Protein backbone atom coordinates (compact mmCIF):
# COMPACT_ATOMS: atom_id res chain seq x y z
CA MET A 1 -1.45 40.93 -32.08
CA LEU A 2 0.99 38.61 -33.22
CA GLN A 3 3.36 40.17 -30.06
CA ILE A 4 1.17 39.04 -27.46
CA SER A 5 -1.29 36.15 -29.12
CA SER A 6 -0.40 33.16 -28.28
CA LYS A 7 -2.95 30.99 -29.63
CA PHE A 8 -1.72 31.34 -33.78
CA GLU A 9 -0.12 28.19 -34.79
CA GLU A 10 -0.11 29.19 -38.44
CA VAL A 11 -0.04 31.99 -40.30
CA SER A 12 -0.44 32.63 -44.02
CA PHE A 13 -0.19 35.79 -46.40
CA GLU A 14 -0.47 34.08 -49.10
CA ASP A 15 -0.44 35.25 -52.66
CA CYS A 16 -1.65 38.95 -50.52
CA LEU A 17 0.93 41.21 -52.46
CA LEU A 18 1.96 42.84 -49.40
CA LYS A 19 3.84 46.36 -49.37
CA GLU A 20 7.48 46.61 -47.78
CA ASP A 21 6.38 48.01 -44.71
CA GLY A 22 3.33 45.53 -44.14
CA ILE A 23 5.73 42.92 -44.22
CA LYS A 24 8.18 44.51 -41.50
CA SER A 25 5.37 44.76 -39.33
CA VAL A 26 4.50 41.24 -40.04
CA LEU A 27 7.52 40.05 -39.26
CA LEU A 28 8.41 42.22 -36.29
CA GLY A 29 4.95 40.77 -34.43
CA LEU A 30 6.16 37.33 -35.57
CA CYS A 31 9.99 38.50 -33.69
CA GLY A 32 8.83 38.10 -29.91
CA ASN A 33 6.09 35.55 -31.22
CA SER A 34 6.43 31.96 -29.55
CA SER A 35 3.64 30.30 -30.79
CA VAL A 36 3.90 30.06 -34.82
CA LYS A 37 4.71 27.52 -35.92
CA ARG A 38 4.60 27.77 -39.98
CA LEU A 39 4.50 30.72 -41.69
CA VAL A 40 3.72 30.95 -45.84
CA LEU A 41 4.64 34.44 -47.52
CA LYS A 42 4.22 33.22 -50.80
CA GLY A 43 3.46 35.52 -53.66
CA ASN A 44 4.50 39.17 -51.92
CA CYS A 45 7.28 40.46 -53.77
CA ILE A 46 9.59 39.51 -51.24
CA GLN A 47 13.21 41.30 -51.79
CA GLY A 48 15.86 43.69 -50.79
CA ASN A 49 15.03 45.45 -47.04
CA SER A 50 11.82 42.56 -47.00
CA THR A 51 14.50 40.08 -46.87
CA ASP A 52 16.55 41.74 -44.42
CA ALA A 53 13.27 41.96 -42.01
CA VAL A 54 12.87 37.72 -42.68
CA THR A 55 16.73 37.70 -41.27
CA LYS A 56 15.96 39.89 -38.49
CA MET A 57 12.83 37.36 -37.56
CA LEU A 58 15.20 34.13 -38.01
CA LYS A 59 17.59 35.77 -35.54
CA HIS A 60 15.03 36.55 -32.88
CA ASN A 61 12.13 33.92 -33.27
CA SER A 62 12.30 30.38 -32.25
CA THR A 63 9.21 28.48 -32.75
CA ILE A 64 8.86 28.67 -36.87
CA VAL A 65 9.05 25.18 -38.35
CA ARG A 66 8.17 25.80 -41.33
CA LEU A 67 8.57 28.79 -43.84
CA SER A 68 7.43 29.19 -47.28
CA LEU A 69 8.68 32.38 -49.40
CA GLU A 70 7.23 30.43 -52.78
CA TRP A 71 6.98 33.35 -55.95
CA ASN A 72 8.83 36.10 -54.51
CA ASN A 73 12.47 37.57 -55.44
CA LEU A 74 15.35 36.65 -53.25
CA GLY A 75 17.42 36.11 -55.28
CA VAL A 76 17.48 39.88 -56.95
CA HIS A 77 19.86 41.39 -53.67
CA PRO A 78 22.37 38.84 -53.24
CA GLU A 79 24.17 40.87 -50.29
CA SER A 80 20.31 40.43 -48.81
CA PHE A 81 20.23 37.16 -49.31
CA ALA A 82 23.98 36.17 -47.84
CA SER A 83 22.91 37.69 -44.91
CA PHE A 84 19.20 35.61 -45.17
CA CYS A 85 21.37 32.65 -45.60
CA GLY A 86 23.94 33.30 -42.51
CA ALA A 87 21.06 33.98 -40.12
CA LEU A 88 19.62 30.68 -41.76
CA ALA A 89 22.76 28.81 -40.44
CA LYS A 90 22.11 29.83 -37.14
CA ASN A 91 18.51 29.39 -36.74
CA SER A 92 18.44 25.78 -35.05
CA CYS A 93 14.43 25.35 -35.03
CA LEU A 94 13.59 25.53 -38.75
CA GLN A 95 13.26 22.82 -40.74
CA TYR A 96 11.01 23.40 -43.74
CA LEU A 97 12.37 26.06 -46.10
CA ASP A 98 10.26 26.90 -49.61
CA LEU A 99 12.17 28.73 -51.98
CA ARG A 100 11.13 28.07 -55.20
CA SER A 101 10.89 30.54 -57.82
CA ASN A 102 12.83 33.05 -56.02
CA GLN A 103 15.18 34.63 -58.86
CA LEU A 104 18.11 32.21 -57.03
CA SER A 105 21.80 32.09 -59.27
CA GLY A 106 25.17 30.80 -58.74
CA GLU A 107 25.92 33.35 -55.69
CA ALA A 108 22.78 32.32 -53.80
CA ALA A 109 23.99 28.28 -54.03
CA SER A 110 27.39 29.74 -52.29
CA ALA A 111 25.82 31.16 -49.68
CA LEU A 112 23.20 28.33 -49.43
CA ALA A 113 26.22 25.93 -49.56
CA GLN A 114 27.24 27.16 -46.45
CA VAL A 115 23.76 26.94 -44.45
CA LEU A 116 24.34 23.01 -45.33
CA MET A 117 27.12 22.77 -43.93
CA ARG A 118 26.39 25.25 -40.77
CA ASN A 119 22.57 24.52 -40.10
CA CYS A 120 21.86 21.37 -38.19
CA SER A 121 18.63 21.32 -38.00
CA LEU A 122 17.30 22.17 -41.72
CA LEU A 123 15.75 18.71 -42.83
CA SER A 124 14.20 19.60 -46.00
CA LEU A 125 15.06 22.38 -48.80
CA ASP A 126 12.65 23.03 -51.93
CA LEU A 127 14.78 25.00 -54.59
CA ARG A 128 13.03 24.14 -57.53
CA TRP A 129 12.69 26.77 -60.47
CA ASN A 130 15.78 28.92 -59.93
CA THR A 131 18.43 29.83 -62.00
CA LEU A 132 21.21 27.83 -59.89
CA GLY A 133 23.10 26.59 -63.25
CA VAL A 134 25.54 23.14 -62.92
CA ALA A 135 28.20 25.40 -61.09
CA GLY A 136 25.53 26.39 -58.40
CA GLY A 137 24.72 22.64 -58.38
CA LYS A 138 28.36 21.38 -57.43
CA THR A 139 28.64 24.31 -54.60
CA LEU A 140 25.29 22.49 -53.07
CA LEU A 141 26.92 19.11 -53.43
CA GLU A 142 30.09 20.10 -51.94
CA GLY A 143 27.96 21.49 -49.22
CA LEU A 144 25.72 18.70 -48.91
CA ARG A 145 28.53 16.49 -48.73
CA ASN A 146 29.16 17.90 -44.36
CA ASN A 147 25.88 17.81 -43.94
CA ARG A 148 24.38 14.90 -41.60
CA THR A 149 20.58 16.29 -41.39
CA LEU A 150 19.13 17.07 -44.80
CA THR A 151 17.28 14.29 -46.17
CA LEU A 152 15.15 16.12 -48.76
CA LEU A 153 16.84 18.42 -51.39
CA ASN A 154 15.04 18.92 -54.67
CA LEU A 155 16.96 20.76 -57.96
CA ILE A 156 14.76 20.22 -60.53
CA GLY A 157 13.75 23.46 -63.29
CA ASN A 158 17.77 24.99 -61.80
CA SER A 159 19.60 23.82 -65.50
CA ILE A 160 21.40 20.99 -63.43
CA THR A 161 22.79 17.38 -65.55
CA ASN A 162 21.41 14.53 -64.26
CA ASP A 163 25.12 13.44 -62.75
CA ILE A 164 24.38 15.85 -60.14
CA ILE A 165 21.21 15.63 -58.90
CA SER A 166 21.88 11.68 -59.07
CA THR A 167 24.83 12.38 -56.88
CA VAL A 168 22.84 14.23 -54.15
CA ASP A 169 19.99 12.30 -54.47
CA ASN A 170 22.20 9.44 -52.80
CA GLN A 171 24.38 11.78 -50.60
CA ILE A 172 20.52 12.96 -49.31
CA SER A 173 19.76 8.98 -49.25
CA LYS A 174 23.10 8.61 -46.97
CA ASN A 175 21.33 11.31 -44.74
CA LYS A 176 17.97 9.30 -44.54
CA LEU A 177 20.22 6.46 -43.40
CA LEU A 178 22.36 8.66 -41.66
CA SER A 179 18.94 10.27 -39.68
CA LEU A 180 17.07 6.89 -39.21
CA LYS A 181 20.06 5.59 -37.63
CA GLU A 182 20.55 8.55 -35.41
CA LYS A 183 17.17 8.45 -34.39
CA GLU A 184 17.81 4.57 -33.71
CA TYR A 185 20.95 6.35 -31.51
CA ILE A 186 18.83 8.68 -29.86
CA GLY A 187 15.88 5.65 -28.90
CA GLN A 188 18.30 3.68 -27.69
CA THR A 189 20.38 6.31 -25.70
CA THR A 190 16.88 7.76 -24.35
CA LEU A 191 16.62 3.79 -23.16
CA LEU A 192 19.96 4.01 -22.14
CA LYS A 193 19.30 6.76 -20.22
CA GLU A 194 16.09 5.07 -18.60
CA GLN A 195 17.94 2.48 -17.94
CA LEU A 196 20.68 4.36 -16.10
CA GLN A 197 18.39 6.68 -14.74
CA ARG A 198 16.87 4.11 -12.92
CA GLN A 199 19.85 2.14 -12.12
CA GLU A 200 21.18 5.32 -10.49
CA ARG A 201 17.49 5.68 -8.75
CA TYR A 202 17.98 2.28 -7.56
CA SER A 203 21.52 2.72 -6.43
CA THR A 204 20.40 5.33 -4.64
CA GLN A 205 17.52 3.92 -2.54
CA GLN A 206 20.68 0.99 -2.25
CA LEU A 207 22.76 3.55 -1.11
CA LYS A 208 20.02 5.78 1.02
CA GLN A 209 19.30 1.97 2.36
CA LEU A 210 22.80 1.06 3.04
CA GLU A 211 22.90 4.60 5.07
CA VAL A 212 19.79 4.30 6.76
CA ASP A 213 20.80 0.53 8.00
CA LEU A 214 24.73 1.67 8.69
CA ALA A 215 23.29 5.11 10.85
CA GLN A 216 21.25 2.05 12.49
CA ARG A 217 24.25 0.28 12.70
CA ASP A 218 25.73 3.25 14.58
CA LYS A 219 23.31 3.80 16.41
CA ALA A 220 23.09 0.13 18.07
CA LEU A 221 26.95 0.17 18.44
CA ASN A 222 26.68 3.60 20.27
CA LYS A 223 24.14 2.50 21.95
CA THR A 224 26.27 -0.82 22.71
CA ILE A 225 28.74 1.19 23.78
CA GLN A 226 27.14 3.73 25.89
CA GLU A 227 25.88 0.93 27.32
CA GLY A 228 29.14 -0.86 27.75
CA GLU A 229 30.86 2.94 29.13
CA PHE A 230 28.07 2.81 31.10
CA GLN A 231 28.51 -0.53 32.77
CA THR A 232 32.37 -0.17 33.27
CA GLY A 233 31.69 3.18 34.76
CA LYS A 234 28.94 1.45 37.13
CA LEU A 235 31.59 -1.38 37.45
CA GLN A 236 34.51 1.72 37.76
CA GLU A 237 31.89 3.15 40.87
CA GLN A 238 31.68 -0.23 42.39
CA LEU A 239 35.40 -0.72 42.05
CA SER A 240 35.83 2.41 43.71
CA SER A 241 33.28 1.30 46.68
CA LYS A 242 34.87 -1.58 46.97
CA SER A 243 38.20 -0.35 47.14
CA LEU A 244 37.21 2.14 49.95
CA GLU A 245 35.21 -0.19 51.18
CA LEU A 246 38.56 -2.41 51.65
CA VAL A 247 40.24 0.26 53.04
CA ALA A 248 37.59 0.77 55.50
CA LEU A 249 37.41 -2.73 56.33
CA LYS A 250 41.43 -2.82 56.79
CA THR A 251 41.37 0.35 59.00
CA LYS A 252 38.99 -1.50 61.21
CA TYR A 253 41.08 -4.97 61.36
CA GLU A 254 43.40 -3.14 62.25
CA LEU A 255 41.32 -1.08 65.16
CA ILE A 256 40.19 -4.76 65.94
CA THR A 257 43.92 -5.83 66.34
CA SER A 258 44.49 -2.75 68.38
CA ALA A 259 41.63 -3.79 70.58
CA LEU A 260 42.43 -7.23 70.89
CA HIS A 261 46.00 -6.82 72.33
CA LEU A 262 44.28 -4.17 74.42
CA SER A 263 41.57 -6.89 75.36
CA GLN A 264 44.73 -9.82 76.27
CA GLU A 265 46.61 -6.85 78.32
CA ARG A 266 43.41 -6.22 80.03
CA VAL A 267 42.88 -9.98 80.12
CA SER A 268 46.11 -10.58 81.87
CA LEU A 269 45.49 -7.72 84.39
CA LEU A 270 41.65 -9.13 84.93
CA GLU A 271 43.30 -12.73 85.60
CA GLU A 272 45.63 -11.39 88.01
CA ARG A 273 42.73 -9.43 89.81
CA ASN A 274 40.82 -12.48 89.13
CA CYS A 275 43.03 -14.57 91.29
CA SER A 276 42.71 -12.18 93.88
CA LEU A 277 39.32 -11.45 93.69
CA GLU A 278 38.19 -15.22 93.49
CA GLU A 279 38.12 -16.07 97.32
CA ASP A 280 35.88 -12.69 96.99
CA LEU A 281 34.03 -13.79 94.36
CA LYS A 282 33.07 -17.35 96.06
CA SER A 283 31.97 -15.52 99.00
CA SER A 284 29.88 -13.19 96.70
CA GLN A 285 28.67 -15.97 94.64
CA GLU A 286 26.16 -17.48 97.03
CA SER A 287 24.45 -14.19 97.47
CA ALA A 288 25.11 -13.24 94.08
CA THR A 289 22.70 -16.69 92.92
CA LEU A 290 20.04 -15.56 95.65
CA GLU A 291 19.75 -12.86 94.18
CA LYS A 292 19.85 -13.58 90.46
CA THR A 293 17.09 -16.11 91.20
CA LYS A 294 15.22 -13.33 92.48
CA LEU A 295 15.34 -11.24 89.41
CA LYS A 296 14.85 -13.96 87.28
CA GLU A 297 11.53 -14.61 88.61
CA ALA A 298 10.34 -10.80 88.90
CA LEU A 299 11.72 -10.52 85.16
CA ASP A 300 9.64 -13.61 84.15
CA SER A 301 6.65 -12.52 85.32
CA THR A 302 7.03 -8.81 84.11
CA GLN A 303 7.94 -10.25 80.76
CA ALA A 304 4.72 -12.78 81.00
CA GLN A 305 2.61 -9.46 81.61
CA HIS A 306 4.32 -7.48 78.90
CA SER A 307 3.86 -9.99 75.96
CA GLU A 308 -0.28 -10.42 77.21
CA GLU A 309 -0.59 -6.79 76.80
CA ILE A 310 1.51 -7.09 73.44
CA HIS A 311 -0.54 -9.45 72.33
CA ALA A 312 -3.77 -7.97 73.57
CA LEU A 313 -2.53 -4.11 71.51
CA HIS A 314 -1.69 -6.27 68.55
CA THR A 315 -5.35 -8.06 67.92
CA THR A 316 -6.74 -4.28 68.89
CA ILE A 317 -4.54 -2.66 66.02
CA THR A 318 -5.32 -5.72 63.52
CA GLN A 319 -8.87 -5.28 64.18
CA LEU A 320 -8.81 -1.20 63.73
CA GLN A 321 -6.77 -1.88 60.32
CA THR A 322 -9.51 -4.19 59.45
CA LYS A 323 -12.21 -1.81 60.04
CA ILE A 324 -10.00 0.53 57.91
CA GLY A 325 -9.79 -1.31 55.29
CA GLU A 326 -13.50 -2.36 54.87
CA LEU A 327 -14.23 1.66 55.49
CA ASN A 328 -11.75 2.21 52.39
CA VAL A 329 -13.65 -0.38 50.06
CA GLU A 330 -16.78 1.33 51.24
CA SER A 331 -15.74 4.70 50.31
CA GLU A 332 -14.20 3.76 47.01
CA LYS A 333 -17.60 1.76 45.97
CA GLN A 334 -19.28 5.19 46.84
CA LYS A 335 -16.76 7.14 44.99
CA GLN A 336 -17.34 4.84 41.84
CA HIS A 337 -21.49 4.45 42.29
CA ASN A 338 -21.36 8.52 42.25
CA PHE A 339 -18.56 8.25 39.26
CA ASP A 340 -21.53 5.57 37.47
CA LEU A 341 -24.47 8.00 38.19
CA LYS A 342 -22.41 10.84 36.43
CA GLU A 343 -21.89 9.10 33.30
CA ALA A 344 -25.41 8.05 33.53
CA THR A 345 -26.84 11.84 33.92
CA CYS A 346 -24.32 12.49 31.05
CA SER A 347 -26.03 9.61 28.60
CA LEU A 348 -29.20 10.60 29.43
CA GLN A 349 -29.26 14.25 28.50
CA ALA A 350 -27.30 13.42 25.50
CA GLU A 351 -30.42 11.38 24.41
CA ILE A 352 -32.41 14.30 25.20
CA LYS A 353 -30.58 16.52 23.08
CA GLY A 354 -30.64 13.79 20.56
CA LEU A 355 -34.21 13.16 20.59
CA LYS A 356 -35.02 17.00 20.31
CA MET A 357 -32.75 17.16 17.46
CA GLU A 358 -34.71 14.20 15.65
CA CYS A 359 -38.11 15.79 16.80
CA ASP A 360 -37.22 19.02 14.81
CA ALA A 361 -35.81 16.96 11.73
CA MET A 362 -38.98 15.29 11.50
CA VAL A 363 -41.26 18.14 12.24
CA SER A 364 -39.31 20.03 8.95
CA LYS A 365 -39.54 17.20 6.95
CA GLU A 366 -43.07 17.05 7.16
CA GLN A 367 -43.79 20.87 6.69
CA THR A 368 -41.51 20.76 3.43
CA LYS A 369 -43.18 17.46 2.50
CA HIS A 370 -46.81 19.29 2.84
CA LYS A 371 -45.87 22.52 1.23
CA GLU A 372 -44.34 20.49 -1.87
CA ILE A 373 -47.79 18.43 -1.81
CA MET A 374 -49.70 21.70 -1.93
CA ARG A 375 -47.65 22.65 -4.72
CA ASN A 376 -47.75 19.83 -6.71
CA ILE A 377 -52.05 19.66 -6.33
CA GLU A 378 -52.02 23.60 -7.37
CA LYS A 379 -49.86 22.88 -10.00
CA GLN A 380 -52.78 19.84 -10.91
CA HIS A 381 -55.19 22.18 -10.84
CA CYS A 382 -54.11 25.14 -12.79
CA ALA A 383 -53.06 22.43 -15.93
CA GLU A 384 -56.68 21.29 -15.49
CA VAL A 385 -58.19 24.62 -15.26
CA HIS A 386 -55.91 25.21 -18.35
CA GLN A 387 -56.82 22.05 -20.32
CA LEU A 388 -60.55 22.76 -19.72
CA LYS A 389 -60.30 26.37 -21.29
CA MET A 390 -58.37 25.42 -24.12
CA ASP A 391 -60.51 22.30 -25.08
CA HIS A 392 -63.91 25.19 -24.15
CA GLN A 393 -62.22 27.28 -26.79
CA GLN A 394 -61.80 24.53 -29.20
CA VAL A 395 -65.28 23.60 -28.66
CA GLU A 396 -66.79 27.22 -29.44
CA THR A 397 -64.35 27.41 -33.09
CA GLU A 398 -66.25 24.59 -34.07
CA MET A 399 -69.26 25.49 -33.11
CA ARG A 400 -68.97 28.80 -35.02
CA GLU A 401 -67.62 26.93 -37.93
CA LYS A 402 -70.67 25.00 -37.74
CA LEU A 403 -73.35 28.20 -37.52
CA THR A 404 -72.05 30.05 -40.27
CA ASN A 405 -71.45 26.53 -42.77
CA ILE A 406 -75.03 25.44 -41.55
CA GLU A 407 -77.75 27.66 -40.18
CA THR A 408 -80.21 24.91 -40.16
CA TRP A 409 -78.14 22.59 -37.44
CA LYS A 410 -78.24 26.31 -35.37
CA ALA A 411 -80.53 25.02 -32.66
CA GLU A 412 -78.88 21.63 -32.59
CA ALA A 413 -75.45 23.52 -31.90
CA GLN A 414 -77.21 25.94 -29.44
CA ALA A 415 -78.23 22.54 -27.89
CA GLU A 416 -75.13 20.58 -27.88
CA VAL A 417 -73.18 24.11 -26.66
CA ALA A 418 -75.78 24.62 -23.44
CA SER A 419 -75.30 20.79 -22.91
CA LEU A 420 -71.16 21.16 -22.95
CA GLN A 421 -71.75 24.20 -20.78
CA VAL A 422 -73.59 22.39 -18.13
CA GLN A 423 -70.96 19.59 -18.42
CA LEU A 424 -68.27 22.28 -17.95
CA SER A 425 -69.75 23.58 -14.66
CA THR A 426 -70.43 19.70 -13.48
CA GLU A 427 -66.58 19.29 -14.17
CA ARG A 428 -65.38 21.92 -12.65
CA SER A 429 -67.99 21.59 -9.50
CA SER A 430 -66.23 17.92 -9.64
CA SER A 431 -62.68 19.32 -10.06
CA GLN A 432 -63.15 21.94 -7.16
CA ALA A 433 -65.11 18.79 -4.96
CA GLN A 434 -61.29 17.09 -5.44
CA LEU A 435 -59.47 19.45 -4.66
CA LEU A 436 -61.58 20.24 -1.20
CA SER A 437 -61.58 16.51 -0.20
CA LEU A 438 -57.57 16.62 -1.01
CA LYS A 439 -57.18 19.64 1.12
CA LYS A 440 -59.03 18.21 3.85
CA GLN A 441 -57.26 15.18 3.84
CA LEU A 442 -53.71 16.79 3.72
CA LYS A 443 -55.38 18.79 6.63
CA ALA A 444 -55.75 15.71 8.44
CA GLU A 445 -52.53 13.67 7.40
CA HIS A 446 -50.63 16.71 8.64
CA ALA A 447 -52.71 17.01 11.51
CA ALA A 448 -52.54 13.70 12.53
CA VAL A 449 -48.68 14.10 11.72
CA VAL A 450 -48.52 16.81 14.58
CA ARG A 451 -50.06 15.15 16.65
CA GLY A 452 -47.85 12.18 16.86
CA LEU A 453 -45.05 14.28 17.08
CA GLU A 454 -46.47 16.37 19.65
CA GLU A 455 -47.41 12.61 21.67
CA GLN A 456 -43.51 12.02 20.72
CA LEU A 457 -42.66 15.29 22.65
CA GLN A 458 -45.07 14.61 25.75
CA VAL A 459 -43.18 11.02 25.59
CA ILE A 460 -39.94 12.91 25.64
CA GLU A 461 -40.92 15.80 28.41
CA GLU A 462 -42.15 13.11 30.52
CA SER A 463 -38.83 10.88 29.83
CA ARG A 464 -37.02 14.05 30.59
CA GLY A 465 -38.62 14.59 33.81
CA ASP A 466 -38.46 11.17 34.75
CA ALA A 467 -34.79 11.54 34.06
CA GLU A 468 -35.03 14.72 36.36
CA GLU A 469 -36.32 13.09 39.19
CA ARG A 470 -33.50 10.40 39.01
CA LEU A 471 -31.22 13.16 38.76
CA ARG A 472 -32.73 14.18 42.08
CA SER A 473 -32.65 11.49 43.60
CA GLN A 474 -29.05 10.20 42.78
CA VAL A 475 -27.88 13.61 43.93
CA ALA A 476 -29.72 13.42 47.42
CA ALA A 477 -27.93 10.04 47.57
CA ASN A 478 -24.43 11.65 46.53
CA SER A 479 -24.75 14.06 49.23
CA ILE A 480 -26.15 11.21 52.08
CA LEU A 481 -23.31 9.36 50.44
CA ARG A 482 -20.89 12.50 50.63
CA ALA A 483 -22.24 13.13 54.60
CA THR A 484 -21.57 9.21 55.42
CA ASN A 485 -17.86 9.36 53.77
CA THR A 486 -16.71 12.47 55.99
CA LYS A 487 -18.22 10.55 59.17
CA LEU A 488 -16.32 7.75 58.15
CA ASN A 489 -13.39 9.59 57.55
CA SER A 490 -13.69 11.49 61.09
CA HIS A 491 -13.77 7.74 62.55
CA ILE A 492 -11.43 7.01 60.60
CA HIS A 493 -8.98 9.97 62.31
CA THR A 494 -10.34 9.10 65.66
CA LEU A 495 -9.20 5.88 65.15
CA ASN A 496 -5.48 6.57 63.82
CA ASN A 497 -5.33 8.75 66.21
CA ASP A 498 -6.03 5.98 68.95
CA ILE A 499 -3.27 3.69 66.81
CA THR A 500 -0.59 6.38 67.36
CA GLU A 501 -1.58 6.47 71.37
CA LEU A 502 -1.32 2.81 71.53
CA GLN A 503 1.89 2.83 69.64
CA ALA A 504 3.21 5.56 71.87
CA LYS A 505 2.39 3.33 74.93
CA LEU A 506 4.16 0.50 73.51
CA GLU A 507 7.05 2.53 72.76
CA THR A 508 7.18 3.35 76.26
CA LYS A 509 6.54 0.18 77.85
CA GLU A 510 9.56 -1.10 75.74
CA GLY A 511 11.83 1.16 76.59
CA GLU A 512 10.99 0.54 80.35
CA VAL A 513 11.74 -3.19 79.77
CA LYS A 514 15.24 -2.65 77.98
CA VAL A 515 16.09 -0.21 80.83
CA ALA A 516 15.25 -3.25 83.28
CA GLU A 517 17.20 -5.43 80.68
CA ARG A 518 19.83 -3.54 80.30
CA ARG A 519 20.23 -2.82 85.10
CA THR A 520 20.30 -6.61 85.28
CA ARG A 521 23.33 -7.32 82.78
CA GLU A 522 26.51 -7.43 84.14
CA GLU A 523 29.93 -5.38 83.02
CA PHE A 524 32.45 -8.43 83.10
CA SER A 525 30.13 -10.82 80.92
CA ALA A 526 29.45 -7.94 78.58
CA GLN A 527 32.67 -7.23 78.18
CA ILE A 528 34.26 -10.99 78.01
CA GLU A 529 31.41 -11.40 75.25
CA GLU A 530 31.92 -8.55 73.17
CA LEU A 531 35.76 -9.97 72.74
CA GLN A 532 34.79 -13.17 71.86
CA GLN A 533 32.23 -11.97 69.40
CA GLU A 534 35.11 -9.62 67.54
CA CYS A 535 37.26 -12.76 67.99
CA LYS A 536 34.98 -14.88 65.97
CA GLN A 537 34.45 -11.82 63.72
CA ILE A 538 38.40 -12.45 62.58
CA PRO A 539 37.59 -14.96 60.17
CA LYS A 540 34.36 -13.57 58.55
CA LEU A 541 36.42 -10.66 57.96
CA ASN A 542 39.24 -12.61 56.43
CA SER A 543 36.53 -13.98 54.16
CA ILE A 544 34.72 -11.01 53.25
CA ILE A 545 37.52 -9.62 52.02
CA SER A 546 39.07 -12.26 49.95
CA GLU A 547 35.25 -12.12 48.60
CA GLN A 548 35.64 -8.65 48.00
CA LYS A 549 39.11 -9.28 45.97
CA ARG A 550 37.26 -11.72 43.57
CA LEU A 551 34.81 -9.64 43.03
CA ILE A 552 37.45 -6.79 41.85
CA THR A 553 39.23 -9.05 39.63
CA ASP A 554 35.84 -10.38 37.65
CA LEU A 555 34.67 -6.20 37.05
CA GLU A 556 38.18 -5.82 36.03
CA HIS A 557 38.25 -9.27 33.73
CA GLU A 558 34.64 -7.78 32.69
CA ASN A 559 35.77 -4.37 32.22
CA GLU A 560 38.60 -5.72 29.74
CA LEU A 561 35.58 -7.95 27.99
CA HIS A 562 33.65 -5.13 27.51
CA LYS A 563 36.87 -3.48 25.97
CA ARG A 564 37.75 -5.90 23.47
CA GLU A 565 34.04 -6.48 22.19
CA THR A 566 33.46 -2.37 22.17
CA LYS A 567 37.08 -2.67 19.77
CA LEU A 568 35.91 -5.51 17.61
CA LYS A 569 32.41 -3.74 16.80
CA LYS A 570 34.90 -0.53 15.72
CA GLU A 571 36.22 -2.75 13.24
CA GLU A 572 33.54 -4.37 12.15
CA LEU A 573 32.14 -0.58 11.25
CA LYS A 574 35.43 0.26 10.29
CA LYS A 575 34.91 -2.96 7.39
CA VAL A 576 31.43 -2.36 6.65
CA HIS A 577 32.09 1.58 5.85
CA GLU A 578 35.34 0.32 3.65
CA ASP A 579 33.11 -2.09 1.63
CA GLU A 580 30.44 0.60 1.28
CA ALA A 581 33.33 2.91 -0.13
CA ARG A 582 34.44 0.22 -2.22
CA ARG A 583 30.99 -0.36 -3.52
CA VAL A 584 30.00 2.98 -4.69
CA ALA A 585 33.20 3.78 -6.11
CA MET A 586 32.78 -0.16 -8.65
CA LEU A 587 29.29 1.38 -9.53
CA HIS A 588 30.69 4.57 -10.17
CA SER A 589 33.41 3.38 -12.58
CA ALA A 590 31.01 0.79 -14.21
CA PHE A 591 28.61 3.72 -14.94
CA MET A 592 31.29 5.97 -16.16
CA SER A 593 32.92 2.88 -18.23
CA TYR A 594 29.20 2.18 -19.61
CA PHE A 595 28.98 5.74 -20.63
CA ASN A 596 32.49 5.79 -22.35
CA SER A 597 32.02 2.39 -23.60
CA SER A 598 28.46 3.41 -25.20
CA PRO A 599 28.24 2.54 -29.29
CA GLY A 600 28.54 5.52 -31.29
CA SER A 601 28.14 9.00 -30.30
CA PRO A 602 25.72 11.68 -31.87
CA PRO A 603 27.61 14.28 -34.16
CA LYS A 604 28.76 17.31 -32.33
CA SER A 605 27.13 20.77 -33.79
CA ASN A 606 29.67 23.41 -34.49
């Protein structure tokens, strides 16, 4: 039970005179216990093997704080007591030990002195009424001088001189002061630890925040670098494209210059030919002028007709486009109307469902109320009947007593009994009439509630019918609108076909006009105009080339600026990282110096 249970905190076998086997079994159970904090074994003649069992328990148990071994014989066997002291020296949980009246001698005092030198948890040791003697007191004093935790040592009744006892008291008072200082130091250390933990948390939070900030800065810088790289890539692409364009322009320029040389040669040849043909041209100019005038008149007439036709076609196209826009607007309106109707139908269906649920809830509530009212009435009726029966029994008992005591009042008592019976019958009839009236009222109320609910259901059904009729009308309207929409779509399709046909006709007519214009052009005038245009384009190309060169220089300058900005941002990042590393190193060194420079550390245990 002691091995398994965890509910006991105190176990006492005081003055039980347990035998050796009983003590061993109890202590064996306490070896595996983890809840008992106080053990009392006073007056059980513990000696020899029993003390060995106590030593075993002290080796294995780590929860007992108070141990009382008063009125036993631990000092009879010094070897077993020495092993007991060895286990006590290694124990780190026991704080209060009572060894009064245990026949402890000087040898036991030397073992206890070793305990005092090695143990760091014992606070109180009671050694009254033993036979330690002066030598034992001196050995205990020597052991006590090496102890800093014992605050109570009682040596009365051991034939020890007052000088030794006073020195022991002085040493214990010193230990008390040391314990107080140690407690203060422990409190200060706990406070300092808490402050350091707070500082560490704050520093970790700051470091995390700094890391987050650095990560954000890194992200921002990476974004800017990526954007700069992207922009540089774009600029390089633009530069490459511009360089390709420049190469193409150079090639074009070379081709144009070569064409110019060829054209100049041709012009010289043509001038030579013109000199020979001027005479022929002068003769043919008159006929050509006449033919040109005729052709110009014909072209003017055809252009006027063509412009009129084009204007008429544009007007028809604009009219058709306006009709198409109107039809599209009408179709969108019809679609929106259909969508609104669908939403209205969904909302009506949801309202009908909600009304049905409310009606069902009202009916169930009224039924439960009616049932509760009927139950209460029945309970009241049963209570009244029971009360009447009790009253009737009391009256009968009183009448019987009166009949036994006084015979003369027999007739009057019988008359009173008869009158009481009549009253009871009248009360019963009145109570039954009240019950019937209450039942009728409840039935009438229930019928009225049911009628109201039925009327509400009829109204809901009527509204549902109206909603269904609206839905049907809306569905019919939707079908009509769909038919009209299909008709409009077919009409739009036919109009689009007409527009395509008209556009094809326009294209054919424009092609005919272009063919007529091309036929009227002369070859020599076209060549001369092209050469003149090419000569005019040469300065423009030169200006374009200069502008492209300026753009290339500007782009290269911008690329160099972006590279410089990226280098500066990388240097700033490096500086920030170095500052953070210095700050972390400073904080770490400050914490280490604070821990190293803290006041007096607690005494280390051997």
